[in-house]
Amino acid sequence: MQFGMHGSLEQHGFARNTVWTIDKDPPPFPTVSSNKAFIDLMLKPSEDDPKSWPHRFEFRIRIALGPGGDLMLTSRIRNTNTDGKPFTFTFAYNNYFYLTDISEVRIEGLETLDYLDNLKDRDRVTEQGDAITFESEVDKVYLKTPTKIAILDHERKRTYVLRKDGLPDAVVWNPWDKRAKAIVDLGDEEYKHMLMVGAACVEKPITLKPGEEWKGRQELSAVPSSYCSGQLDPHKALRLG
């Protein structure tokens, strides 16, 4: 997750590097059926927060796991400043998918969309082709994306489905061979078996006034079916609750 990509904050924000606590008194979340396991976590400001983020906030997240293995993440961020000041932030879930072979993978749902190319100083480009495939390093932020994106692993005959709400963008990243060698916690050949695709809000940062709250949701599921013309088998596809 990314929280606050502004000013001197580190690239992926500070929320991922801080200690969360169990939220014992969460506000009402979307209904979770009795056959789902879930946990509520909370992040609040502490003395260890960077001086570059001089705001008070409450960041709540519910992590729910369904019986079929579908994973639902619901995030809420509230401005709790008492000085009347708003704050602005960007947000992303970083989902790393384990794949058989990156050269045999494609993404559907992002074709013909505009994206920001982080390898070219965030140049805005329009995607070409019928689907997204991979043959070199990729670091893109796709804009105004649909609520459903599919990652197809042809060799495994598995489709990962990402559904989202409140997160208009999508980040796609694979370091490929040269950059993978410079990443200490990634093996030189492991780029062949991974892909990061995450729901995000990057192009238009979110601004909250004191007392205001933002909410974003993401659901991940895997189905043993192919993704064709933007429609999954309705009996196998999982819906946002």
Protein backbone atom coordinates (compact mmCIF):
# COMPACT_ATOMS: atom_id res chain seq x y z
CA MET A 1 0.00 0.00 0.00
CA GLN A 2 1.04 3.53 -0.63
CA PHE A 3 -0.06 6.42 1.53
CA GLY A 4 1.13 9.95 0.84
CA MET A 5 3.39 10.19 -2.21
CA HIS A 6 4.00 13.90 -1.85
CA GLY A 7 6.91 16.13 -0.89
CA SER A 8 9.79 14.34 0.83
CA LEU A 9 7.90 11.15 1.67
CA GLU A 10 9.50 7.94 0.44
CA GLN A 11 8.23 6.55 -2.85
CA HIS A 12 5.80 4.04 -1.37
CA GLY A 13 4.76 6.14 1.59
CA PHE A 14 5.13 5.33 5.27
CA ALA A 15 2.00 3.23 5.97
CA ARG A 16 3.74 0.02 4.88
CA ASN A 17 6.66 0.54 7.26
CA THR A 18 4.77 1.31 10.47
CA VAL A 19 3.23 -0.84 13.20
CA TRP A 20 -0.52 -1.41 12.91
CA THR A 21 -2.78 -2.37 15.80
CA ILE A 22 -5.93 -4.47 15.91
CA ASP A 23 -8.96 -2.20 15.60
CA LYS A 24 -11.20 -3.24 18.50
CA ASP A 25 -13.97 -0.75 17.76
CA PRO A 26 -14.26 -0.40 13.96
CA PRO A 27 -17.03 1.60 12.29
CA PRO A 28 -19.58 -0.35 10.22
CA PHE A 29 -18.00 -2.01 7.19
CA PRO A 30 -19.82 -3.62 4.26
CA THR A 31 -21.63 -6.72 5.50
CA VAL A 32 -19.34 -9.71 5.92
CA SER A 33 -21.15 -13.05 5.74
CA SER A 34 -20.63 -15.61 8.49
CA ASN A 35 -18.47 -17.81 6.26
CA LYS A 36 -15.75 -15.16 5.85
CA ALA A 37 -12.84 -14.69 8.21
CA PHE A 38 -11.71 -11.12 8.71
CA ILE A 39 -9.57 -8.84 10.85
CA ASP A 40 -9.70 -5.07 11.35
CA LEU A 41 -6.46 -3.10 11.66
CA MET A 42 -5.78 0.56 12.41
CA LEU A 43 -2.93 2.99 11.89
CA LYS A 44 -2.71 6.32 13.74
CA PRO A 45 0.01 8.97 13.92
CA SER A 46 2.91 8.34 16.28
CA GLU A 47 6.06 10.15 17.31
CA ASP A 48 8.00 8.02 14.83
CA ASP A 49 6.10 9.31 11.81
CA PRO A 50 8.13 11.41 9.36
CA LYS A 51 8.16 15.13 10.01
CA SER A 52 7.11 15.57 6.37
CA TRP A 53 3.61 14.29 7.27
CA PRO A 54 2.40 16.76 9.92
CA HIS A 55 -1.22 15.63 9.92
CA ARG A 56 -3.50 13.59 12.14
CA PHE A 57 -5.40 10.70 10.57
CA GLU A 58 -7.04 7.35 11.14
CA PHE A 59 -6.30 4.63 8.59
CA ARG A 60 -8.50 1.56 8.99
CA ILE A 61 -8.35 -1.60 6.90
CA ARG A 62 -10.50 -4.73 6.96
CA ILE A 63 -8.89 -7.87 5.53
CA ALA A 64 -11.45 -10.56 4.73
CA LEU A 65 -10.91 -14.04 3.31
CA GLY A 66 -13.73 -15.93 1.61
CA PRO A 67 -14.24 -19.72 1.53
CA GLY A 68 -13.10 -19.87 -2.09
CA GLY A 69 -9.88 -18.05 -1.33
CA ASP A 70 -11.05 -14.62 -2.50
CA LEU A 71 -9.34 -11.78 -0.62
CA MET A 72 -11.17 -8.52 0.13
CA LEU A 73 -9.35 -5.40 1.35
CA THR A 74 -11.41 -2.40 2.44
CA SER A 75 -9.47 0.72 3.42
CA ARG A 76 -10.75 3.86 5.14
CA ILE A 77 -8.73 7.01 5.73
CA ARG A 78 -10.12 9.87 7.83
CA ASN A 79 -8.71 13.35 8.40
CA THR A 80 -8.68 13.92 12.17
CA ASN A 81 -6.77 17.23 12.13
CA THR A 82 -7.95 19.68 14.80
CA ASP A 83 -6.29 22.69 13.15
CA GLY A 84 -8.76 22.86 10.25
CA LYS A 85 -6.17 21.81 7.66
CA PRO A 86 -6.96 19.41 4.81
CA PHE A 87 -4.41 16.91 3.55
CA THR A 88 -3.81 15.24 0.20
CA PHE A 89 -2.52 11.75 -0.55
CA THR A 90 -2.29 9.03 -3.17
CA PHE A 91 -2.95 5.35 -2.54
CA ALA A 92 -2.17 1.94 -4.03
CA TYR A 93 -2.41 -1.72 -3.15
CA ASN A 94 0.73 -3.59 -4.22
CA ASN A 95 -0.38 -7.09 -5.28
CA TYR A 96 2.38 -9.50 -6.31
CA PHE A 97 1.14 -12.44 -8.38
CA TYR A 98 3.13 -15.66 -8.69
CA LEU A 99 3.11 -16.72 -12.34
CA THR A 100 4.40 -19.64 -14.39
CA ASP A 101 6.20 -17.53 -17.01
CA ILE A 102 5.86 -13.75 -17.43
CA SER A 103 6.37 -14.07 -21.20
CA GLU A 104 3.19 -16.20 -21.38
CA VAL A 105 1.03 -13.85 -19.29
CA ARG A 106 -1.37 -11.17 -20.46
CA ILE A 107 -3.61 -8.60 -18.82
CA GLU A 108 -7.07 -7.78 -20.13
CA GLY A 109 -9.07 -4.70 -19.20
CA LEU A 110 -6.34 -2.09 -19.73
CA GLU A 111 -6.05 -2.12 -23.52
CA THR A 112 -6.49 1.24 -25.35
CA LEU A 113 -6.22 3.18 -22.06
CA ASP A 114 -3.83 6.03 -21.29
CA TYR A 115 -0.99 5.38 -18.85
CA LEU A 116 1.84 7.24 -17.16
CA ASP A 117 5.19 5.63 -18.02
CA ASN A 118 7.46 5.79 -14.97
CA LEU A 119 10.39 4.65 -17.11
CA LYS A 120 10.04 7.81 -19.22
CA ASP A 121 9.54 10.58 -16.66
CA ARG A 122 5.82 9.78 -16.35
CA ASP A 123 5.08 10.53 -20.01
CA ARG A 124 1.40 10.02 -20.83
CA VAL A 125 0.94 7.34 -23.52
CA THR A 126 -2.02 5.48 -25.02
CA GLU A 127 -1.80 1.68 -24.82
CA GLN A 128 -1.91 -0.19 -28.12
CA GLY A 129 -2.92 -3.77 -28.88
CA ASP A 130 -5.67 -6.15 -27.81
CA ALA A 131 -4.08 -7.10 -24.46
CA ILE A 132 -1.07 -6.27 -22.30
CA THR A 133 1.86 -8.69 -22.71
CA PHE A 134 5.44 -8.56 -21.40
CA GLU A 135 8.83 -8.71 -23.06
CA SER A 136 10.79 -6.02 -21.17
CA GLU A 137 10.71 -3.92 -17.99
CA VAL A 138 7.34 -2.30 -17.26
CA ASP A 139 6.45 0.39 -14.72
CA LYS A 140 3.13 2.01 -15.66
CA VAL A 141 0.15 3.68 -14.02
CA TYR A 142 -2.98 3.06 -16.10
CA LEU A 143 -5.62 5.77 -15.81
CA LYS A 144 -9.42 5.63 -15.56
CA THR A 145 -9.41 1.86 -15.50
CA PRO A 146 -12.46 -0.42 -15.34
CA THR A 147 -13.64 -1.95 -12.07
CA LYS A 148 -12.48 -5.40 -13.24
CA ILE A 149 -9.01 -6.38 -14.49
CA ALA A 150 -7.84 -9.90 -15.36
CA ILE A 151 -4.33 -11.40 -15.27
CA LEU A 152 -4.17 -14.57 -17.37
CA ASP A 153 -1.57 -17.25 -16.65
CA HIS A 154 -1.86 -19.39 -19.77
CA GLU A 155 0.41 -22.26 -18.72
CA ARG A 156 -1.33 -22.71 -15.38
CA LYS A 157 -4.76 -22.16 -16.97
CA ARG A 158 -5.61 -19.76 -14.21
CA THR A 159 -7.05 -16.24 -14.28
CA TYR A 160 -6.54 -13.81 -11.44
CA VAL A 161 -9.39 -11.32 -11.20
CA LEU A 162 -8.94 -7.92 -9.57
CA ARG A 163 -12.13 -6.01 -8.76
CA LYS A 164 -12.01 -2.55 -7.24
CA ASP A 165 -14.08 0.40 -6.09
CA GLY A 166 -12.95 3.95 -5.30
CA LEU A 167 -9.58 3.33 -6.98
CA PRO A 168 -9.66 4.61 -10.57
CA ASP A 169 -6.07 3.76 -11.57
CA ALA A 170 -3.98 0.58 -11.77
CA VAL A 171 -0.22 0.12 -11.35
CA VAL A 172 1.59 -2.56 -13.41
CA TRP A 173 5.24 -3.42 -12.69
CA ASN A 174 7.85 -6.01 -13.57
CA PRO A 175 11.56 -5.17 -13.20
CA TRP A 176 12.79 -7.61 -15.87
CA ASP A 177 16.33 -8.98 -15.87
CA LYS A 178 18.66 -5.98 -15.40
CA ARG A 179 16.72 -4.23 -12.65
CA ALA A 180 15.95 -7.53 -10.90
CA LYS A 181 19.68 -8.00 -10.28
CA ALA A 182 19.74 -4.72 -8.35
CA ILE A 183 16.85 -5.70 -6.03
CA VAL A 184 18.31 -7.38 -2.97
CA ASP A 185 15.21 -9.39 -2.01
CA LEU A 186 14.48 -10.63 -5.54
CA GLY A 187 16.46 -13.43 -7.18
CA ASP A 188 18.03 -12.72 -10.55
CA GLU A 189 15.58 -15.03 -12.33
CA GLU A 190 12.51 -14.48 -10.15
CA TYR A 191 11.20 -11.65 -12.33
CA LYS A 192 10.08 -14.39 -14.73
CA HIS A 193 7.53 -15.61 -12.20
CA MET A 194 6.08 -12.39 -10.77
CA LEU A 195 3.95 -9.43 -11.74
CA MET A 196 2.67 -6.55 -9.65
CA VAL A 197 -0.80 -5.28 -10.54
CA GLY A 198 -2.44 -3.01 -8.00
CA ALA A 199 -5.57 -0.90 -7.70
CA ALA A 200 -4.58 2.71 -7.10
CA CYS A 201 -5.48 6.37 -7.01
CA VAL A 202 -2.46 8.24 -8.37
CA GLU A 203 -3.35 10.63 -11.19
CA LYS A 204 -5.77 12.71 -9.13
CA PRO A 205 -4.70 12.70 -5.46
CA ILE A 206 -7.38 12.51 -2.78
CA THR A 207 -7.95 15.57 -0.57
CA LEU A 208 -9.77 15.27 2.74
CA LYS A 209 -10.97 18.11 4.94
CA PRO A 210 -11.07 17.56 8.73
CA GLY A 211 -13.76 14.99 9.51
CA GLU A 212 -13.96 13.68 5.95
CA GLU A 213 -13.30 10.03 5.11
CA TRP A 214 -12.20 8.23 1.95
CA LYS A 215 -12.91 4.56 1.25
CA GLY A 216 -11.44 2.20 -1.32
CA ARG A 217 -11.96 -1.53 -1.87
CA GLN A 218 -10.21 -4.31 -3.72
CA GLU A 219 -11.07 -7.97 -4.20
CA LEU A 220 -8.73 -10.63 -5.57
CA SER A 221 -9.84 -14.05 -6.75
CA ALA A 222 -8.46 -16.87 -8.89
CA VAL A 223 -10.62 -18.87 -11.26
CA PRO A 224 -9.70 -21.89 -13.43
CA SER A 225 -11.15 -20.33 -16.55
CA SER A 226 -10.15 -18.14 -19.47
CA TYR A 227 -11.04 -14.48 -19.74
CA CYS A 228 -12.76 -13.76 -23.05
CA SER A 229 -14.08 -10.46 -24.39
CA GLY A 230 -14.19 -8.93 -20.94
CA GLN A 231 -16.62 -11.49 -19.47
CA LEU A 232 -15.80 -14.20 -16.93
CA ASP A 233 -17.99 -17.21 -16.33
CA PRO A 234 -20.69 -15.60 -14.13
CA HIS A 235 -20.90 -18.76 -11.99
CA LYS A 236 -17.19 -18.58 -11.15
CA ALA A 237 -16.60 -14.84 -10.98
CA LEU A 238 -16.81 -13.25 -7.55
CA ARG A 239 -18.62 -9.98 -6.98
CA LEU A 240 -17.87 -7.08 -4.68
CA GLY A 241 -20.20 -7.26 -1.71
